[in-house]
Amino acid sequence: MLHYAVVFFVIAIIAALFGFGGIAASAAGIAKILFVVFAILAVASFLYGLLKRGT
């Protein structure tokens, strides 16, 4: 899922270079959402691993 965030970030950068503000903004928004989802899942996975390891 982090891969998709990076892909949309690259699309946003390329679109910004060409001056397509709307496309860049929407791709950046999607990248931010995917990054937040990935970060939450990573933290949840880390905590689950700690709890399972402790028992």
C-alpha atoms as a PDB file:
ATOM      1  CA  MET A   1       0.000   0.000   0.000  1.00  0.00           C
ATOM      2  CA  LEU A   2       2.939   2.296   0.604  1.00  0.00           C
ATOM      3  CA  HIS A   3       3.844   1.665  -3.026  1.00  0.00           C
ATOM      4  CA  TYR A   4       0.568   3.281  -4.127  1.00  0.00           C
ATOM      5  CA  ALA A   5       1.246   6.313  -1.932  1.00  0.00           C
ATOM      6  CA  VAL A   6       4.654   6.731  -3.550  1.00  0.00           C
ATOM      7  CA  VAL A   7       3.180   6.304  -7.040  1.00  0.00           C
ATOM      8  CA  PHE A   8       0.545   8.981  -6.446  1.00  0.00           C
ATOM      9  CA  PHE A   9       3.204  11.257  -4.936  1.00  0.00           C
ATOM     10  CA  VAL A  10       5.338  10.895  -8.064  1.00  0.00           C
ATOM     11  CA  ILE A  11       2.279  11.596 -10.243  1.00  0.00           C
ATOM     12  CA  ALA A  12       1.630  14.726  -8.161  1.00  0.00           C
ATOM     13  CA  ILE A  13       5.225  15.920  -8.602  1.00  0.00           C
ATOM     14  CA  ILE A  14       5.162  15.331 -12.369  1.00  0.00           C
ATOM     15  CA  ALA A  15       1.772  17.037 -12.716  1.00  0.00           C
ATOM     16  CA  ALA A  16       3.017  19.986 -10.654  1.00  0.00           C
ATOM     17  CA  LEU A  17       6.025  20.362 -12.951  1.00  0.00           C
ATOM     18  CA  PHE A  18       3.721  20.551 -15.957  1.00  0.00           C
ATOM     19  CA  GLY A  19       1.414  23.000 -14.186  1.00  0.00           C
ATOM     20  CA  PHE A  20      -1.703  20.862 -13.844  1.00  0.00           C
ATOM     21  CA  GLY A  21      -2.769  22.079 -10.412  1.00  0.00           C
ATOM     22  CA  GLY A  22      -5.975  20.077 -10.109  1.00  0.00           C
ATOM     23  CA  ILE A  23      -4.373  16.792 -11.053  1.00  0.00           C
ATOM     24  CA  ALA A  24      -1.418  17.442  -8.759  1.00  0.00           C
ATOM     25  CA  ALA A  25      -3.688  18.322  -5.849  1.00  0.00           C
ATOM     26  CA  SER A  26      -5.868  15.237  -6.249  1.00  0.00           C
ATOM     27  CA  ALA A  27      -2.879  12.899  -6.603  1.00  0.00           C
ATOM     28  CA  ALA A  28      -1.236  14.477  -3.549  1.00  0.00           C
ATOM     29  CA  GLY A  29      -4.465  14.052  -1.590  1.00  0.00           C
ATOM     30  CA  ILE A  30      -4.685  10.378  -2.493  1.00  0.00           C
ATOM     31  CA  ALA A  31      -1.023   9.898  -1.566  1.00  0.00           C
ATOM     32  CA  LYS A  32      -1.598  11.511   1.841  1.00  0.00           C
ATOM     33  CA  ILE A  33      -4.617   9.320   2.557  1.00  0.00           C
ATOM     34  CA  LEU A  34      -2.766   6.151   1.579  1.00  0.00           C
ATOM     35  CA  PHE A  35       0.243   7.156   3.670  1.00  0.00           C
ATOM     36  CA  VAL A  36      -1.918   7.724   6.759  1.00  0.00           C
ATOM     37  CA  VAL A  37      -3.655   4.364   6.258  1.00  0.00           C
ATOM     38  CA  PHE A  38      -0.275   2.667   5.854  1.00  0.00           C
ATOM     39  CA  ALA A  39       1.105   4.338   8.981  1.00  0.00           C
ATOM     40  CA  ILE A  40      -1.919   3.267  11.055  1.00  0.00           C
ATOM     41  CA  LEU A  41      -1.666  -0.316   9.796  1.00  0.00           C
ATOM     42  CA  ALA A  42       2.085  -0.380  10.487  1.00  0.00           C
ATOM     43  CA  VAL A  43       1.598   0.798  14.083  1.00  0.00           C
ATOM     44  CA  ALA A  44      -1.264  -1.662  14.623  1.00  0.00           C
ATOM     45  CA  SER A  45       0.849  -4.502  13.247  1.00  0.00           C
ATOM     46  CA  PHE A  46       3.765  -3.520  15.474  1.00  0.00           C
ATOM     47  CA  LEU A  47       1.576  -3.401  18.584  1.00  0.00           C
ATOM     48  CA  TYR A  48      -0.079  -6.706  17.704  1.00  0.00           C
ATOM     49  CA  GLY A  49       3.344  -8.302  17.324  1.00  0.00           C
ATOM     50  CA  LEU A  50       4.447  -6.980  20.712  1.00  0.00           C
ATOM     51  CA  LEU A  51       1.300  -8.222  22.446  1.00  0.00           C
ATOM     52  CA  LYS A  52       1.420 -11.643  20.795  1.00  0.00           C
ATOM     53  CA  ARG A  53       5.103 -12.030  21.552  1.00  0.00           C
ATOM     54  CA  GLY A  54       4.560 -11.222  25.229  1.00  0.00           C
ATOM     55  CA  THR A  55       2.029 -14.009  25.797  1.00  0.00           C
END
